[in-house]
Amino acid sequence: MTTQRGFTLIELVVVIVILGILSATALPKFVDLSGDARTAALTQIKASVKAANDLIFMKSQMPSYDTQPVPGRDDLLDIDLNGDGNYDLRLKYNHLDNTDIEKRIDISDEFVVEEEGIDYTYIGYDLNQDGTVKDDQCYFSYTQAQSETIPPAYDIISDGC
């Protein structure tokens, strides 16, 4: 009488099927592609805002662009970017005011823009559809310049993405 060694074909197929089912149910828990995509989109928004701000800052320093200080305020400056005689932007310490961010970059409709006070703007995902982005912890935060020595802050909060 001969003894059997190894697995039968049926046992091998059953084990492969069980492993396939386990990996199909467990893989989405380990690979969060939608969260990574949201974080990447927020990173792109951060880069766009920073690039727009750097460009505006440079233009505000050039004598070829018409600028005018806001009366009674030493921190605000109006600038005419296209030379039509109308001031297009209001700058705070030669950087974008938080209310002008939407004018300088294109933002998809999937993002919600939220302003808090006079210094903060949040651009992010409203994952729970309540109209705010801060509570979802998946947003880009822009804090406008606080002085000539404290430039704007650019932060990404992606804990909830």
N, C-alpha and C. Protein backbone atom coordinates (compact mmCIF):
# COMPACT_ATOMS: atom_id res chain seq x y z
N MET A 1 0.83 -1.15 0.00
CA MET A 1 0.00 0.00 0.00
C MET A 1 0.90 1.24 0.00
N THR A 2 0.54 2.23 -0.84
CA THR A 2 1.33 3.45 -0.92
C THR A 2 0.70 4.54 -0.05
N THR A 3 1.57 5.38 0.52
CA THR A 3 1.06 6.48 1.33
C THR A 3 1.04 7.74 0.47
N GLN A 4 0.06 8.59 0.78
CA GLN A 4 -0.09 9.83 0.03
C GLN A 4 0.74 10.92 0.64
N ARG A 5 1.37 11.70 -0.18
CA ARG A 5 2.13 12.87 0.27
C ARG A 5 1.60 14.10 -0.44
N GLY A 6 1.55 15.24 0.30
CA GLY A 6 1.13 16.50 -0.31
C GLY A 6 -0.38 16.68 -0.28
N PHE A 7 -0.81 17.67 -1.08
CA PHE A 7 -2.22 18.03 -1.11
C PHE A 7 -2.86 17.49 -2.37
N THR A 8 -4.16 17.24 -2.28
CA THR A 8 -4.90 16.87 -3.49
C THR A 8 -5.25 18.15 -4.24
N LEU A 9 -5.65 17.98 -5.44
CA LEU A 9 -6.00 19.14 -6.27
C LEU A 9 -7.19 19.89 -5.67
N ILE A 10 -8.15 19.19 -5.13
CA ILE A 10 -9.33 19.83 -4.53
C ILE A 10 -8.92 20.66 -3.31
N GLU A 11 -8.06 20.14 -2.47
CA GLU A 11 -7.61 20.89 -1.30
C GLU A 11 -6.87 22.17 -1.71
N LEU A 12 -6.05 22.07 -2.73
CA LEU A 12 -5.31 23.22 -3.22
C LEU A 12 -6.26 24.30 -3.75
N VAL A 13 -7.27 23.90 -4.52
CA VAL A 13 -8.25 24.85 -5.06
C VAL A 13 -9.04 25.51 -3.93
N VAL A 14 -9.44 24.75 -2.92
CA VAL A 14 -10.20 25.30 -1.80
C VAL A 14 -9.35 26.34 -1.05
N VAL A 15 -8.09 26.05 -0.82
CA VAL A 15 -7.22 26.99 -0.13
C VAL A 15 -7.03 28.26 -0.95
N ILE A 16 -6.86 28.13 -2.24
CA ILE A 16 -6.69 29.32 -3.10
C ILE A 16 -7.95 30.17 -3.09
N VAL A 17 -9.12 29.54 -3.14
CA VAL A 17 -10.38 30.29 -3.11
C VAL A 17 -10.53 31.02 -1.78
N ILE A 18 -10.23 30.36 -0.68
CA ILE A 18 -10.33 31.00 0.64
C ILE A 18 -9.37 32.17 0.75
N LEU A 19 -8.14 32.02 0.29
CA LEU A 19 -7.18 33.13 0.30
C LEU A 19 -7.65 34.30 -0.58
N GLY A 20 -8.25 34.00 -1.70
CA GLY A 20 -8.77 35.04 -2.58
C GLY A 20 -9.89 35.82 -1.92
N ILE A 21 -10.79 35.14 -1.25
CA ILE A 21 -11.89 35.81 -0.55
C ILE A 21 -11.36 36.68 0.58
N LEU A 22 -10.42 36.16 1.35
CA LEU A 22 -9.83 36.93 2.45
C LEU A 22 -9.11 38.18 1.94
N SER A 23 -8.36 38.02 0.88
CA SER A 23 -7.62 39.18 0.37
C SER A 23 -8.56 40.21 -0.24
N ALA A 24 -9.66 39.79 -0.86
CA ALA A 24 -10.61 40.73 -1.45
C ALA A 24 -11.33 41.53 -0.38
N THR A 25 -11.56 40.94 0.78
CA THR A 25 -12.25 41.68 1.85
C THR A 25 -11.28 42.50 2.70
N ALA A 26 -10.04 42.06 2.83
CA ALA A 26 -9.09 42.76 3.70
C ALA A 26 -8.31 43.86 2.96
N LEU A 27 -8.12 43.72 1.68
CA LEU A 27 -7.30 44.68 0.93
C LEU A 27 -7.80 46.12 1.00
N PRO A 28 -9.10 46.38 0.86
CA PRO A 28 -9.55 47.78 0.94
C PRO A 28 -9.26 48.44 2.29
N LYS A 29 -9.14 47.68 3.33
CA LYS A 29 -8.83 48.26 4.64
C LYS A 29 -7.38 48.72 4.71
N PHE A 30 -6.51 48.11 3.94
CA PHE A 30 -5.10 48.46 3.97
C PHE A 30 -4.71 49.45 2.87
N VAL A 31 -5.45 49.46 1.78
CA VAL A 31 -5.15 50.36 0.67
C VAL A 31 -6.29 51.36 0.56
N ASP A 32 -6.03 52.59 0.97
CA ASP A 32 -7.04 53.64 0.94
C ASP A 32 -6.71 54.60 -0.19
N LEU A 33 -7.10 54.23 -1.40
CA LEU A 33 -6.75 55.03 -2.56
C LEU A 33 -7.52 56.35 -2.61
N SER A 34 -8.76 56.36 -2.15
CA SER A 34 -9.52 57.61 -2.20
C SER A 34 -8.94 58.63 -1.24
N GLY A 35 -8.49 58.20 -0.07
CA GLY A 35 -7.86 59.12 0.88
C GLY A 35 -6.56 59.68 0.34
N ASP A 36 -5.78 58.82 -0.31
CA ASP A 36 -4.53 59.29 -0.92
C ASP A 36 -4.81 60.28 -2.05
N ALA A 37 -5.87 60.03 -2.81
CA ALA A 37 -6.22 60.95 -3.91
C ALA A 37 -6.66 62.30 -3.35
N ARG A 38 -7.44 62.30 -2.28
CA ARG A 38 -7.86 63.57 -1.67
C ARG A 38 -6.65 64.35 -1.14
N THR A 39 -5.74 63.64 -0.49
CA THR A 39 -4.54 64.30 0.05
C THR A 39 -3.70 64.88 -1.09
N ALA A 40 -3.59 64.15 -2.18
CA ALA A 40 -2.83 64.66 -3.34
C ALA A 40 -3.49 65.90 -3.93
N ALA A 41 -4.82 65.93 -3.99
CA ALA A 41 -5.52 67.10 -4.51
C ALA A 41 -5.31 68.30 -3.60
N LEU A 42 -5.32 68.08 -2.29
CA LEU A 42 -5.07 69.18 -1.36
C LEU A 42 -3.64 69.70 -1.49
N THR A 43 -2.71 68.80 -1.75
CA THR A 43 -1.31 69.20 -1.96
C THR A 43 -1.19 70.06 -3.22
N GLN A 44 -1.95 69.73 -4.24
CA GLN A 44 -1.95 70.54 -5.46
C GLN A 44 -2.54 71.92 -5.21
N ILE A 45 -3.60 71.99 -4.41
CA ILE A 45 -4.19 73.30 -4.07
C ILE A 45 -3.17 74.13 -3.30
N LYS A 46 -2.48 73.50 -2.36
CA LYS A 46 -1.46 74.22 -1.59
C LYS A 46 -0.39 74.79 -2.52
N ALA A 47 0.07 73.98 -3.45
CA ALA A 47 1.11 74.44 -4.38
C ALA A 47 0.59 75.58 -5.27
N SER A 48 -0.67 75.49 -5.69
CA SER A 48 -1.24 76.54 -6.53
C SER A 48 -1.37 77.86 -5.77
N VAL A 49 -1.84 77.79 -4.53
CA VAL A 49 -1.99 79.01 -3.74
C VAL A 49 -0.63 79.63 -3.45
N LYS A 50 0.34 78.79 -3.12
CA LYS A 50 1.68 79.30 -2.83
C LYS A 50 2.30 79.95 -4.08
N ALA A 51 2.14 79.30 -5.24
CA ALA A 51 2.69 79.86 -6.47
C ALA A 51 1.99 81.17 -6.83
N ALA A 52 0.67 81.23 -6.68
CA ALA A 52 -0.05 82.47 -6.96
C ALA A 52 0.40 83.57 -6.01
N ASN A 53 0.58 83.21 -4.75
CA ASN A 53 1.00 84.19 -3.76
C ASN A 53 2.41 84.71 -4.04
N ASP A 54 3.30 83.82 -4.41
CA ASP A 54 4.66 84.23 -4.74
C ASP A 54 4.67 85.17 -5.95
N LEU A 55 3.84 84.85 -6.95
CA LEU A 55 3.77 85.68 -8.14
C LEU A 55 3.20 87.07 -7.81
N ILE A 56 2.15 87.10 -7.02
CA ILE A 56 1.55 88.38 -6.63
C ILE A 56 2.53 89.20 -5.79
N PHE A 57 3.25 88.53 -4.90
CA PHE A 57 4.24 89.23 -4.09
C PHE A 57 5.29 89.89 -4.98
N MET A 58 5.78 89.14 -5.97
CA MET A 58 6.79 89.69 -6.89
C MET A 58 6.23 90.88 -7.67
N LYS A 59 4.98 90.74 -8.14
CA LYS A 59 4.37 91.84 -8.90
C LYS A 59 4.18 93.07 -8.04
N SER A 60 3.89 92.89 -6.77
CA SER A 60 3.68 94.04 -5.89
C SER A 60 4.97 94.82 -5.65
N GLN A 61 6.10 94.17 -5.90
CA GLN A 61 7.39 94.83 -5.72
C GLN A 61 7.88 95.55 -6.98
N MET A 62 7.26 95.25 -8.11
CA MET A 62 7.69 95.84 -9.38
C MET A 62 7.07 97.21 -9.56
N PRO A 63 7.86 98.17 -10.00
CA PRO A 63 7.31 99.52 -10.19
C PRO A 63 6.37 99.63 -11.39
N SER A 64 6.37 98.64 -12.28
CA SER A 64 5.52 98.71 -13.46
C SER A 64 4.04 98.43 -13.15
N TYR A 65 3.74 97.90 -11.99
CA TYR A 65 2.35 97.66 -11.59
C TYR A 65 1.89 98.78 -10.67
N ASP A 66 0.72 99.30 -10.96
CA ASP A 66 0.17 100.40 -10.18
C ASP A 66 -0.36 99.87 -8.85
N THR A 67 0.16 100.42 -7.77
CA THR A 67 -0.30 100.05 -6.42
C THR A 67 -0.72 101.30 -5.68
N GLN A 68 -1.60 101.08 -4.71
CA GLN A 68 -2.09 102.20 -3.91
C GLN A 68 -2.34 101.72 -2.49
N PRO A 69 -1.75 102.38 -1.50
CA PRO A 69 -2.04 102.00 -0.11
C PRO A 69 -3.50 102.29 0.23
N VAL A 70 -4.07 101.44 1.06
CA VAL A 70 -5.45 101.66 1.52
C VAL A 70 -5.41 102.73 2.60
N PRO A 71 -6.22 103.79 2.45
CA PRO A 71 -6.19 104.88 3.43
C PRO A 71 -6.47 104.39 4.86
N GLY A 72 -5.63 104.83 5.78
CA GLY A 72 -5.80 104.48 7.19
C GLY A 72 -5.30 103.10 7.57
N ARG A 73 -4.72 102.38 6.61
CA ARG A 73 -4.21 101.03 6.90
C ARG A 73 -2.80 100.91 6.36
N ASP A 74 -1.86 100.56 7.19
CA ASP A 74 -0.49 100.39 6.70
C ASP A 74 -0.20 98.96 6.29
N ASP A 75 -1.16 98.04 6.50
CA ASP A 75 -0.95 96.63 6.14
C ASP A 75 -1.59 96.25 4.82
N LEU A 76 -2.46 97.10 4.26
CA LEU A 76 -3.20 96.75 3.04
C LEU A 76 -2.72 97.58 1.86
N LEU A 77 -2.74 96.94 0.70
CA LEU A 77 -2.28 97.57 -0.54
C LEU A 77 -3.17 97.07 -1.68
N ASP A 78 -3.67 97.97 -2.50
CA ASP A 78 -4.44 97.59 -3.69
C ASP A 78 -3.50 97.59 -4.88
N ILE A 79 -3.70 96.61 -5.79
CA ILE A 79 -2.82 96.50 -6.96
C ILE A 79 -3.66 96.32 -8.22
N ASP A 80 -3.24 97.00 -9.29
CA ASP A 80 -3.86 96.88 -10.60
C ASP A 80 -2.99 95.95 -11.43
N LEU A 81 -3.47 94.74 -11.67
CA LEU A 81 -2.65 93.74 -12.36
C LEU A 81 -2.70 93.85 -13.88
N ASN A 82 -3.82 94.31 -14.42
CA ASN A 82 -3.94 94.31 -15.87
C ASN A 82 -3.84 95.70 -16.49
N GLY A 83 -3.56 96.73 -15.70
CA GLY A 83 -3.33 98.07 -16.22
C GLY A 83 -4.56 98.79 -16.72
N ASP A 84 -5.76 98.37 -16.31
CA ASP A 84 -6.98 99.02 -16.77
C ASP A 84 -7.42 100.18 -15.88
N GLY A 85 -6.65 100.47 -14.84
CA GLY A 85 -6.99 101.57 -13.94
C GLY A 85 -7.85 101.17 -12.75
N ASN A 86 -8.32 99.92 -12.76
CA ASN A 86 -9.10 99.40 -11.63
C ASN A 86 -8.22 98.48 -10.80
N TYR A 87 -8.32 98.60 -9.52
CA TYR A 87 -7.49 97.76 -8.66
C TYR A 87 -8.14 96.39 -8.53
N ASP A 88 -7.38 95.36 -8.90
CA ASP A 88 -7.90 94.00 -8.99
C ASP A 88 -7.84 93.24 -7.67
N LEU A 89 -6.82 93.50 -6.89
CA LEU A 89 -6.61 92.73 -5.67
C LEU A 89 -6.26 93.63 -4.51
N ARG A 90 -6.63 93.17 -3.35
CA ARG A 90 -6.18 93.81 -2.11
C ARG A 90 -5.19 92.85 -1.45
N LEU A 91 -4.01 93.36 -1.19
CA LEU A 91 -2.95 92.56 -0.60
C LEU A 91 -2.77 92.94 0.86
N LYS A 92 -2.42 91.97 1.65
CA LYS A 92 -2.08 92.23 3.05
C LYS A 92 -0.61 91.92 3.21
N TYR A 93 0.16 92.92 3.56
CA TYR A 93 1.62 92.81 3.63
C TYR A 93 2.19 92.21 2.34
N ASN A 94 1.66 92.68 1.20
CA ASN A 94 2.09 92.28 -0.15
C ASN A 94 1.82 90.82 -0.47
N HIS A 95 0.94 90.17 0.26
CA HIS A 95 0.52 88.79 -0.02
C HIS A 95 -0.99 88.78 -0.21
N LEU A 96 -1.48 87.69 -0.79
CA LEU A 96 -2.91 87.57 -1.02
C LEU A 96 -3.70 87.68 0.28
N ASP A 97 -4.75 88.45 0.23
CA ASP A 97 -5.72 88.47 1.31
C ASP A 97 -6.50 87.15 1.22
N ASN A 98 -6.91 86.62 2.34
CA ASN A 98 -7.56 85.30 2.29
C ASN A 98 -8.85 85.31 1.49
N THR A 99 -9.49 86.46 1.35
CA THR A 99 -10.74 86.51 0.59
C THR A 99 -10.51 86.50 -0.92
N ASP A 100 -9.27 86.69 -1.37
CA ASP A 100 -8.97 86.73 -2.80
C ASP A 100 -8.40 85.42 -3.35
N ILE A 101 -8.31 84.41 -2.54
CA ILE A 101 -7.72 83.15 -3.01
C ILE A 101 -8.54 82.56 -4.15
N GLU A 102 -9.85 82.55 -4.02
CA GLU A 102 -10.70 81.97 -5.06
C GLU A 102 -10.57 82.70 -6.39
N LYS A 103 -10.21 83.99 -6.36
CA LYS A 103 -10.03 84.76 -7.59
C LYS A 103 -8.75 84.38 -8.33
N ARG A 104 -7.77 83.85 -7.62
CA ARG A 104 -6.47 83.60 -8.21
C ARG A 104 -6.23 82.17 -8.66
N ILE A 105 -7.02 81.21 -8.15
CA ILE A 105 -6.84 79.82 -8.59
C ILE A 105 -8.21 79.24 -8.96
N ASP A 106 -8.19 78.23 -9.83
CA ASP A 106 -9.42 77.52 -10.18
C ASP A 106 -9.62 76.38 -9.19
N ILE A 107 -10.80 76.34 -8.59
CA ILE A 107 -11.11 75.30 -7.61
C ILE A 107 -12.30 74.52 -8.12
N SER A 108 -12.17 73.21 -8.12
CA SER A 108 -13.25 72.34 -8.56
C SER A 108 -14.46 72.46 -7.65
N ASP A 109 -15.62 72.13 -8.19
CA ASP A 109 -16.86 72.19 -7.40
C ASP A 109 -16.91 71.17 -6.28
N GLU A 110 -16.05 70.16 -6.32
CA GLU A 110 -16.05 69.16 -5.26
C GLU A 110 -15.47 69.70 -3.95
N PHE A 111 -14.82 70.86 -4.02
CA PHE A 111 -14.25 71.47 -2.83
C PHE A 111 -15.20 72.51 -2.24
N VAL A 112 -15.13 72.64 -0.94
CA VAL A 112 -15.88 73.67 -0.23
C VAL A 112 -14.88 74.69 0.28
N VAL A 113 -15.18 75.98 0.07
CA VAL A 113 -14.32 77.06 0.56
C VAL A 113 -15.02 77.69 1.75
N GLU A 114 -14.28 77.77 2.84
CA GLU A 114 -14.85 78.28 4.09
C GLU A 114 -13.88 79.31 4.68
N GLU A 115 -14.41 80.44 5.09
CA GLU A 115 -13.57 81.47 5.70
C GLU A 115 -13.90 81.55 7.18
N GLU A 116 -12.88 81.79 7.98
CA GLU A 116 -13.07 81.93 9.42
C GLU A 116 -12.39 83.22 9.86
N GLY A 117 -13.19 84.15 10.30
CA GLY A 117 -12.63 85.44 10.71
C GLY A 117 -12.02 86.16 9.53
N ILE A 118 -11.06 87.00 9.82
CA ILE A 118 -10.44 87.77 8.75
C ILE A 118 -9.09 87.20 8.32
N ASP A 119 -8.63 86.15 8.97
CA ASP A 119 -7.29 85.65 8.68
C ASP A 119 -7.24 84.27 8.03
N TYR A 120 -8.30 83.48 8.10
CA TYR A 120 -8.21 82.07 7.72
C TYR A 120 -9.17 81.72 6.60
N THR A 121 -8.67 80.90 5.67
CA THR A 121 -9.49 80.31 4.62
C THR A 121 -9.20 78.83 4.57
N TYR A 122 -10.26 78.03 4.48
CA TYR A 122 -10.13 76.58 4.40
C TYR A 122 -10.74 76.11 3.10
N ILE A 123 -10.01 75.26 2.39
CA ILE A 123 -10.49 74.66 1.15
C ILE A 123 -10.36 73.16 1.34
N GLY A 124 -11.48 72.46 1.23
CA GLY A 124 -11.39 71.02 1.46
C GLY A 124 -12.65 70.28 1.09
N TYR A 125 -12.73 69.07 1.60
CA TYR A 125 -13.83 68.16 1.31
C TYR A 125 -14.84 68.18 2.46
N ASP A 126 -16.10 68.31 2.10
CA ASP A 126 -17.18 68.22 3.07
C ASP A 126 -17.69 66.78 3.03
N LEU A 127 -16.99 65.90 3.72
CA LEU A 127 -17.27 64.47 3.63
C LEU A 127 -18.60 64.08 4.27
N ASN A 128 -19.02 64.80 5.29
CA ASN A 128 -20.29 64.46 5.94
C ASN A 128 -21.44 65.36 5.49
N GLN A 129 -21.21 66.18 4.46
CA GLN A 129 -22.23 67.01 3.83
C GLN A 129 -22.95 67.94 4.80
N ASP A 130 -22.21 68.54 5.75
CA ASP A 130 -22.84 69.47 6.69
C ASP A 130 -22.50 70.93 6.38
N GLY A 131 -21.79 71.18 5.28
CA GLY A 131 -21.48 72.54 4.87
C GLY A 131 -20.17 73.09 5.39
N THR A 132 -19.46 72.34 6.23
CA THR A 132 -18.16 72.79 6.75
C THR A 132 -17.09 71.76 6.44
N VAL A 133 -15.86 72.22 6.36
CA VAL A 133 -14.77 71.30 6.05
C VAL A 133 -13.88 71.01 7.25
N LYS A 134 -13.85 71.93 8.21
CA LYS A 134 -12.92 71.74 9.34
C LYS A 134 -13.25 70.50 10.16
N ASP A 135 -14.52 70.18 10.32
CA ASP A 135 -14.88 69.03 11.14
C ASP A 135 -14.56 67.69 10.48
N ASP A 136 -14.33 67.71 9.16
CA ASP A 136 -14.00 66.48 8.45
C ASP A 136 -12.51 66.18 8.44
N GLN A 137 -11.68 67.13 8.86
CA GLN A 137 -10.23 66.95 8.95
C GLN A 137 -9.60 66.55 7.61
N CYS A 138 -10.10 67.17 6.53
CA CYS A 138 -9.55 66.91 5.20
C CYS A 138 -9.60 68.22 4.41
N TYR A 139 -8.63 69.11 4.71
CA TYR A 139 -8.68 70.43 4.10
C TYR A 139 -7.29 71.07 4.04
N PHE A 140 -7.22 72.11 3.20
CA PHE A 140 -6.06 72.98 3.11
C PHE A 140 -6.39 74.26 3.85
N SER A 141 -5.47 74.74 4.64
CA SER A 141 -5.68 75.95 5.44
C SER A 141 -4.69 77.02 5.00
N TYR A 142 -5.23 78.21 4.72
CA TYR A 142 -4.40 79.37 4.38
C TYR A 142 -4.60 80.42 5.46
N THR A 143 -3.51 80.79 6.09
CA THR A 143 -3.52 81.87 7.08
C THR A 143 -2.76 83.03 6.46
N GLN A 144 -3.45 84.16 6.29
CA GLN A 144 -2.81 85.28 5.60
C GLN A 144 -1.67 85.85 6.44
N ALA A 145 -0.84 86.63 5.78
CA ALA A 145 0.34 87.22 6.43
C ALA A 145 -0.09 88.04 7.65
N GLN A 146 0.67 87.89 8.72
CA GLN A 146 0.34 88.59 9.96
C GLN A 146 1.15 89.87 10.14
N SER A 147 2.29 89.94 9.46
CA SER A 147 3.12 91.15 9.49
C SER A 147 4.11 91.05 8.32
N GLU A 148 4.96 92.05 8.20
CA GLU A 148 5.96 92.00 7.13
C GLU A 148 6.98 90.89 7.37
N THR A 149 7.14 90.46 8.61
CA THR A 149 8.11 89.41 8.92
C THR A 149 7.46 88.04 9.11
N ILE A 150 6.14 87.98 9.20
CA ILE A 150 5.44 86.71 9.35
C ILE A 150 4.62 86.48 8.08
N PRO A 151 5.14 85.65 7.16
CA PRO A 151 4.46 85.43 5.88
C PRO A 151 3.23 84.53 6.06
N PRO A 152 2.48 84.33 5.00
CA PRO A 152 1.31 83.44 5.08
C PRO A 152 1.73 82.02 5.44
N ALA A 153 0.79 81.30 6.04
CA ALA A 153 1.03 79.89 6.39
C ALA A 153 0.13 79.02 5.51
N TYR A 154 0.70 77.92 5.05
CA TYR A 154 0.01 76.97 4.20
C TYR A 154 0.05 75.62 4.90
N ASP A 155 -1.11 75.07 5.27
CA ASP A 155 -1.15 73.81 6.00
C ASP A 155 -2.16 72.87 5.37
N ILE A 156 -1.84 71.59 5.43
CA ILE A 156 -2.78 70.56 4.99
C ILE A 156 -3.12 69.69 6.19
N ILE A 157 -4.41 69.54 6.44
CA ILE A 157 -4.91 68.65 7.48
C ILE A 157 -5.55 67.47 6.76
N SER A 158 -4.97 66.29 6.87
CA SER A 158 -5.45 65.14 6.11
C SER A 158 -5.79 63.94 6.98
N ASP A 159 -5.99 64.17 8.27
CA ASP A 159 -6.29 63.05 9.17
C ASP A 159 -7.59 62.34 8.81
N GLY A 160 -8.57 63.08 8.30
CA GLY A 160 -9.87 62.49 8.00
C GLY A 160 -10.08 62.13 6.55
N CYS A 161 -9.06 62.31 5.72
CA CYS A 161 -9.22 62.03 4.28
C CYS A 161 -9.40 60.54 4.04
